[in-house]
Amino acid sequence: MINLPKAAVFIEGSNIYFAQKKAGIWLDWLKVKHFLGSKYRIGSIRYYVGVRKRDPKMRSFLKKLKKIGFKVVAKPVKIIKDESGRELEKANFDVEITADILQSPSAGIVILFTGDSDFAYLVKVLHKKGRKVVVFSSRKTLSWELKLSTDKYIFVEDLRELTKKISFARLR
């Protein structure tokens, strides 16, 4: 256990939500924490997410994450209009995640839960600093740029043992 490499975990909530949705699975974050802890000495786990004003389900979810030891980084979702006037929700965390990663140099391994190609450049910077990067994403949402730049990628579809048991009654 003492010889495990030190790692820090950064989860882009919105991106990994859609990765799970496309994969048809839902991760049990306590199981994920234990899984990562069996392979790495985890310094911190940060979960980044945009929150709507009145969203009790999300607030309950974030409360559970905090209870199991995650640091939640949240900000309000912004409503923006596209060219056609359609309203879109936005809460981008690329800058916050990048800044937090660059400010945590004691972790030799960065674990990113995202498939976003925007992080490919960050991976190159981390490699120049001698750090390794492991990405968790879905086969359907992992960008090729991130896939080619990272040291290792793991598909959430392959982590069935880390998923929640969801009753059919809950899905209605």
C-alpha atoms as a PDB file:
ATOM      1  CA  MET A   1       0.000   0.000   0.000  1.00  0.00           C
ATOM      2  CA  ILE A   2       2.799   2.439   0.872  1.00  0.00           C
ATOM      3  CA  ASN A   3       4.484   1.927  -2.518  1.00  0.00           C
ATOM      4  CA  LEU A   4       1.440   3.027  -4.467  1.00  0.00           C
ATOM      5  CA  PRO A   5       2.017   6.047  -6.697  1.00  0.00           C
ATOM      6  CA  LYS A   6       0.527   9.352  -5.518  1.00  0.00           C
ATOM      7  CA  ALA A   7      -2.350  10.655  -7.613  1.00  0.00           C
ATOM      8  CA  ALA A   8      -4.916  13.432  -7.636  1.00  0.00           C
ATOM      9  CA  VAL A   9      -8.350  12.982  -9.224  1.00  0.00           C
ATOM     10  CA  PHE A  10     -10.271  15.611 -11.196  1.00  0.00           C
ATOM     11  CA  ILE A  11     -13.795  14.879 -12.423  1.00  0.00           C
ATOM     12  CA  GLU A  12     -15.491  17.068 -15.009  1.00  0.00           C
ATOM     13  CA  GLY A  13     -19.034  16.372 -13.799  1.00  0.00           C
ATOM     14  CA  SER A  14     -20.994  17.316 -16.907  1.00  0.00           C
ATOM     15  CA  ASN A  15     -18.667  15.481 -19.273  1.00  0.00           C
ATOM     16  CA  ILE A  16     -18.590  12.288 -17.219  1.00  0.00           C
ATOM     17  CA  TYR A  17     -22.380  12.465 -16.738  1.00  0.00           C
ATOM     18  CA  PHE A  18     -22.859  12.307 -20.517  1.00  0.00           C
ATOM     19  CA  ALA A  19     -20.175   9.622 -20.838  1.00  0.00           C
ATOM     20  CA  GLN A  20     -22.091   7.467 -18.354  1.00  0.00           C
ATOM     21  CA  LYS A  21     -25.402   8.217 -20.056  1.00  0.00           C
ATOM     22  CA  LYS A  22     -24.047   7.220 -23.483  1.00  0.00           C
ATOM     23  CA  ALA A  23     -22.486   4.082 -21.988  1.00  0.00           C
ATOM     24  CA  GLY A  24     -25.754   3.184 -20.257  1.00  0.00           C
ATOM     25  CA  ILE A  25     -24.148   2.876 -16.825  1.00  0.00           C
ATOM     26  CA  TRP A  26     -24.007   4.948 -13.642  1.00  0.00           C
ATOM     27  CA  LEU A  27     -20.865   4.915 -11.551  1.00  0.00           C
ATOM     28  CA  ASP A  28     -21.099   4.401  -7.813  1.00  0.00           C
ATOM     29  CA  TRP A  29     -18.652   7.078  -6.693  1.00  0.00           C
ATOM     30  CA  LEU A  30     -17.863   5.368  -3.386  1.00  0.00           C
ATOM     31  CA  LYS A  31     -16.862   2.224  -5.319  1.00  0.00           C
ATOM     32  CA  VAL A  32     -14.821   4.388  -7.702  1.00  0.00           C
ATOM     33  CA  LYS A  33     -13.040   5.986  -4.731  1.00  0.00           C
ATOM     34  CA  HIS A  34     -12.175   2.557  -3.282  1.00  0.00           C
ATOM     35  CA  PHE A  35     -11.061   1.276  -6.705  1.00  0.00           C
ATOM     36  CA  LEU A  36      -8.729   4.244  -7.210  1.00  0.00           C
ATOM     37  CA  GLY A  37      -7.488   3.943  -3.617  1.00  0.00           C
ATOM     38  CA  SER A  38      -6.474   0.329  -4.286  1.00  0.00           C
ATOM     39  CA  LYS A  39      -4.185   1.452  -7.135  1.00  0.00           C
ATOM     40  CA  TYR A  40      -2.997   4.899  -6.025  1.00  0.00           C
ATOM     41  CA  ARG A  41      -2.393   7.005  -2.923  1.00  0.00           C
ATOM     42  CA  ILE A  42      -5.122   9.523  -3.597  1.00  0.00           C
ATOM     43  CA  GLY A  43      -4.359  13.015  -2.352  1.00  0.00           C
ATOM     44  CA  SER A  44      -7.703  14.519  -3.340  1.00  0.00           C
ATOM     45  CA  ILE A  45     -10.759  13.904  -5.475  1.00  0.00           C
ATOM     46  CA  ARG A  46     -12.379  17.001  -6.954  1.00  0.00           C
ATOM     47  CA  TYR A  47     -15.751  16.969  -8.677  1.00  0.00           C
ATOM     48  CA  TYR A  48     -16.555  20.028 -10.843  1.00  0.00           C
ATOM     49  CA  VAL A  49     -20.149  20.757 -11.754  1.00  0.00           C
ATOM     50  CA  GLY A  50     -22.579  23.497 -12.712  1.00  0.00           C
ATOM     51  CA  VAL A  51     -25.669  23.727 -10.538  1.00  0.00           C
ATOM     52  CA  ARG A  52     -29.109  25.077 -11.445  1.00  0.00           C
ATOM     53  CA  LYS A  53     -30.801  27.416  -8.954  1.00  0.00           C
ATOM     54  CA  ARG A  54     -33.483  24.947  -7.925  1.00  0.00           C
ATOM     55  CA  ASP A  55     -32.170  21.425  -8.329  1.00  0.00           C
ATOM     56  CA  PRO A  56     -32.692  19.387  -5.142  1.00  0.00           C
ATOM     57  CA  LYS A  57     -31.538  16.128  -6.792  1.00  0.00           C
ATOM     58  CA  MET A  58     -28.192  17.660  -7.732  1.00  0.00           C
ATOM     59  CA  ARG A  59     -27.766  19.224  -4.301  1.00  0.00           C
ATOM     60  CA  SER A  60     -28.482  15.839  -2.670  1.00  0.00           C
ATOM     61  CA  PHE A  61     -25.974  14.153  -5.004  1.00  0.00           C
ATOM     62  CA  LEU A  62     -23.276  16.729  -4.185  1.00  0.00           C
ATOM     63  CA  LYS A  63     -23.966  16.349  -0.467  1.00  0.00           C
ATOM     64  CA  LYS A  64     -23.352  12.589  -0.816  1.00  0.00           C
ATOM     65  CA  LEU A  65     -20.099  13.230  -2.693  1.00  0.00           C
ATOM     66  CA  LYS A  66     -18.895  15.527   0.090  1.00  0.00           C
ATOM     67  CA  LYS A  67     -19.862  12.924   2.687  1.00  0.00           C
ATOM     68  CA  ILE A  68     -17.599  10.318   1.053  1.00  0.00           C
ATOM     69  CA  GLY A  69     -14.686  12.757   0.882  1.00  0.00           C
ATOM     70  CA  PHE A  70     -14.916  14.448  -2.501  1.00  0.00           C
ATOM     71  CA  LYS A  71     -14.181  18.160  -2.785  1.00  0.00           C
ATOM     72  CA  VAL A  72     -17.041  19.631  -4.781  1.00  0.00           C
ATOM     73  CA  VAL A  73     -16.322  22.664  -6.938  1.00  0.00           C
ATOM     74  CA  ALA A  74     -19.618  24.120  -8.118  1.00  0.00           C
ATOM     75  CA  LYS A  75     -20.840  27.256  -9.802  1.00  0.00           C
ATOM     76  CA  PRO A  76     -24.200  28.377 -11.166  1.00  0.00           C
ATOM     77  CA  VAL A  77     -25.211  27.196 -14.619  1.00  0.00           C
ATOM     78  CA  LYS A  78     -25.436  30.081 -17.095  1.00  0.00           C
ATOM     79  CA  ILE A  79     -28.180  30.262 -19.680  1.00  0.00           C
ATOM     80  CA  ILE A  80     -26.920  31.441 -23.061  1.00  0.00           C
ATOM     81  CA  LYS A  81     -28.645  31.738 -26.423  1.00  0.00           C
ATOM     82  CA  ASP A  82     -27.194  30.282 -29.584  1.00  0.00           C
ATOM     83  CA  GLU A  83     -27.516  31.837 -33.064  1.00  0.00           C
ATOM     84  CA  SER A  84     -31.033  30.442 -33.492  1.00  0.00           C
ATOM     85  CA  GLY A  85     -32.196  31.886 -30.153  1.00  0.00           C
ATOM     86  CA  ARG A  86     -32.318  28.485 -28.466  1.00  0.00           C
ATOM     87  CA  GLU A  87     -31.388  28.585 -24.780  1.00  0.00           C
ATOM     88  CA  LEU A  88     -28.453  26.410 -23.694  1.00  0.00           C
ATOM     89  CA  GLU A  89     -27.083  25.675 -20.245  1.00  0.00           C
ATOM     90  CA  LYS A  90     -23.356  26.212 -19.738  1.00  0.00           C
ATOM     91  CA  ALA A  91     -20.923  25.783 -16.863  1.00  0.00           C
ATOM     92  CA  ASN A  92     -17.452  25.283 -18.267  1.00  0.00           C
ATOM     93  CA  PHE A  93     -14.705  24.202 -15.830  1.00  0.00           C
ATOM     94  CA  ASP A  94     -11.698  23.736 -18.125  1.00  0.00           C
ATOM     95  CA  VAL A  95      -9.813  26.696 -16.637  1.00  0.00           C
ATOM     96  CA  GLU A  96     -10.586  25.752 -13.022  1.00  0.00           C
ATOM     97  CA  ILE A  97      -9.562  22.131 -13.541  1.00  0.00           C
ATOM     98  CA  THR A  98      -6.365  23.149 -15.341  1.00  0.00           C
ATOM     99  CA  ALA A  99      -5.419  25.670 -12.638  1.00  0.00           C
ATOM    100  CA  ASP A 100      -6.104  23.162  -9.850  1.00  0.00           C
ATOM    101  CA  ILE A 101      -4.046  20.469 -11.581  1.00  0.00           C
ATOM    102  CA  LEU A 102      -1.104  22.806 -12.120  1.00  0.00           C
ATOM    103  CA  GLN A 103      -1.294  23.842  -8.444  1.00  0.00           C
ATOM    104  CA  SER A 104      -1.100  20.217  -7.234  1.00  0.00           C
ATOM    105  CA  PRO A 105       2.437  19.287  -8.279  1.00  0.00           C
ATOM    106  CA  SER A 106       2.961  16.727  -5.498  1.00  0.00           C
ATOM    107  CA  ALA A 107       0.827  14.164  -7.312  1.00  0.00           C
ATOM    108  CA  GLY A 108       2.912  12.387  -9.947  1.00  0.00           C
ATOM    109  CA  ILE A 109      -0.223  11.043 -11.602  1.00  0.00           C
ATOM    110  CA  VAL A 110      -3.245  13.071 -12.641  1.00  0.00           C
ATOM    111  CA  ILE A 111      -6.471  11.141 -13.060  1.00  0.00           C
ATOM    112  CA  LEU A 112      -9.005  12.941 -15.245  1.00  0.00           C
ATOM    113  CA  PHE A 113     -12.613  11.906 -15.680  1.00  0.00           C
ATOM    114  CA  THR A 114     -13.417  13.580 -19.003  1.00  0.00           C
ATOM    115  CA  GLY A 115     -13.252  12.977 -22.717  1.00  0.00           C
ATOM    116  CA  ASP A 116     -12.833  16.635 -23.647  1.00  0.00           C
ATOM    117  CA  SER A 117     -10.208  17.339 -26.311  1.00  0.00           C
ATOM    118  CA  ASP A 118      -9.465  20.702 -24.651  1.00  0.00           C
ATOM    119  CA  PHE A 119      -7.400  18.819 -22.073  1.00  0.00           C
ATOM    120  CA  ALA A 120      -4.971  17.353 -24.638  1.00  0.00           C
ATOM    121  CA  TYR A 121      -2.763  20.442 -24.395  1.00  0.00           C
ATOM    122  CA  LEU A 122      -2.745  20.227 -20.588  1.00  0.00           C
ATOM    123  CA  VAL A 123      -1.627  16.584 -20.867  1.00  0.00           C
ATOM    124  CA  LYS A 124       1.339  17.696 -23.024  1.00  0.00           C
ATOM    125  CA  VAL A 125       2.290  20.324 -20.408  1.00  0.00           C
ATOM    126  CA  LEU A 126       2.040  17.736 -17.614  1.00  0.00           C
ATOM    127  CA  HIS A 127       4.231  15.316 -19.575  1.00  0.00           C
ATOM    128  CA  LYS A 128       6.908  18.026 -19.887  1.00  0.00           C
ATOM    129  CA  LYS A 129       6.784  18.297 -16.085  1.00  0.00           C
ATOM    130  CA  GLY A 130       7.303  14.523 -15.771  1.00  0.00           C
ATOM    131  CA  ARG A 131       3.752  13.758 -14.698  1.00  0.00           C
ATOM    132  CA  LYS A 132       1.566  10.954 -16.011  1.00  0.00           C
ATOM    133  CA  VAL A 133      -2.125  11.256 -16.912  1.00  0.00           C
ATOM    134  CA  VAL A 134      -4.845   8.597 -16.744  1.00  0.00           C
ATOM    135  CA  VAL A 135      -8.207   9.398 -18.354  1.00  0.00           C
ATOM    136  CA  PHE A 136     -11.557   7.787 -17.596  1.00  0.00           C
ATOM    137  CA  SER A 137     -14.239   8.283 -20.241  1.00  0.00           C
ATOM    138  CA  SER A 138     -16.673   6.444 -22.474  1.00  0.00           C
ATOM    139  CA  ARG A 139     -15.748   4.846 -25.772  1.00  0.00           C
ATOM    140  CA  LYS A 140     -18.391   7.122 -27.279  1.00  0.00           C
ATOM    141  CA  THR A 141     -17.174  10.382 -25.731  1.00  0.00           C
ATOM    142  CA  LEU A 142     -13.375  10.142 -25.480  1.00  0.00           C
ATOM    143  CA  SER A 143     -11.905  12.554 -28.032  1.00  0.00           C
ATOM    144  CA  TRP A 144      -9.176  11.172 -30.245  1.00  0.00           C
ATOM    145  CA  GLU A 145      -6.865  14.081 -29.266  1.00  0.00           C
ATOM    146  CA  LEU A 146      -7.079  13.183 -25.582  1.00  0.00           C
ATOM    147  CA  LYS A 147      -6.877   9.463 -26.314  1.00  0.00           C
ATOM    148  CA  LEU A 148      -3.626   9.920 -28.255  1.00  0.00           C
ATOM    149  CA  SER A 149      -2.011  12.244 -25.715  1.00  0.00           C
ATOM    150  CA  THR A 150      -2.759  10.477 -22.428  1.00  0.00           C
ATOM    151  CA  ASP A 151      -0.610   7.781 -20.824  1.00  0.00           C
ATOM    152  CA  LYS A 152      -3.563   5.492 -20.209  1.00  0.00           C
ATOM    153  CA  TYR A 153      -7.282   5.608 -20.784  1.00  0.00           C
ATOM    154  CA  ILE A 154      -9.958   3.516 -19.153  1.00  0.00           C
ATOM    155  CA  PHE A 155     -13.467   3.177 -20.499  1.00  0.00           C
ATOM    156  CA  VAL A 156     -16.295   3.461 -17.987  1.00  0.00           C
ATOM    157  CA  GLU A 157     -18.065   0.677 -19.900  1.00  0.00           C
ATOM    158  CA  ASP A 158     -15.364  -1.676 -18.625  1.00  0.00           C
ATOM    159  CA  LEU A 159     -16.013  -0.767 -14.981  1.00  0.00           C
ATOM    160  CA  ARG A 160     -19.310  -2.592 -14.474  1.00  0.00           C
ATOM    161  CA  GLU A 161     -18.175  -3.658 -10.982  1.00  0.00           C
ATOM    162  CA  LEU A 162     -18.104   0.036 -10.034  1.00  0.00           C
ATOM    163  CA  THR A 163     -21.643   0.817 -11.131  1.00  0.00           C
ATOM    164  CA  LYS A 164     -24.820   1.314  -9.159  1.00  0.00           C
ATOM    165  CA  LYS A 165     -27.606  -1.192  -9.071  1.00  0.00           C
ATOM    166  CA  ILE A 166     -30.610   0.732 -10.372  1.00  0.00           C
ATOM    167  CA  SER A 167     -34.067  -0.701  -9.980  1.00  0.00           C
ATOM    168  CA  PHE A 168     -36.416  -0.546 -12.959  1.00  0.00           C
ATOM    169  CA  ALA A 169     -38.941   1.279 -10.750  1.00  0.00           C
ATOM    170  CA  ARG A 170     -36.488   4.197 -10.446  1.00  0.00           C
ATOM    171  CA  LEU A 171     -36.198   4.519 -14.203  1.00  0.00           C
ATOM    172  CA  ARG A 172     -39.875   5.295 -14.792  1.00  0.00           C
END
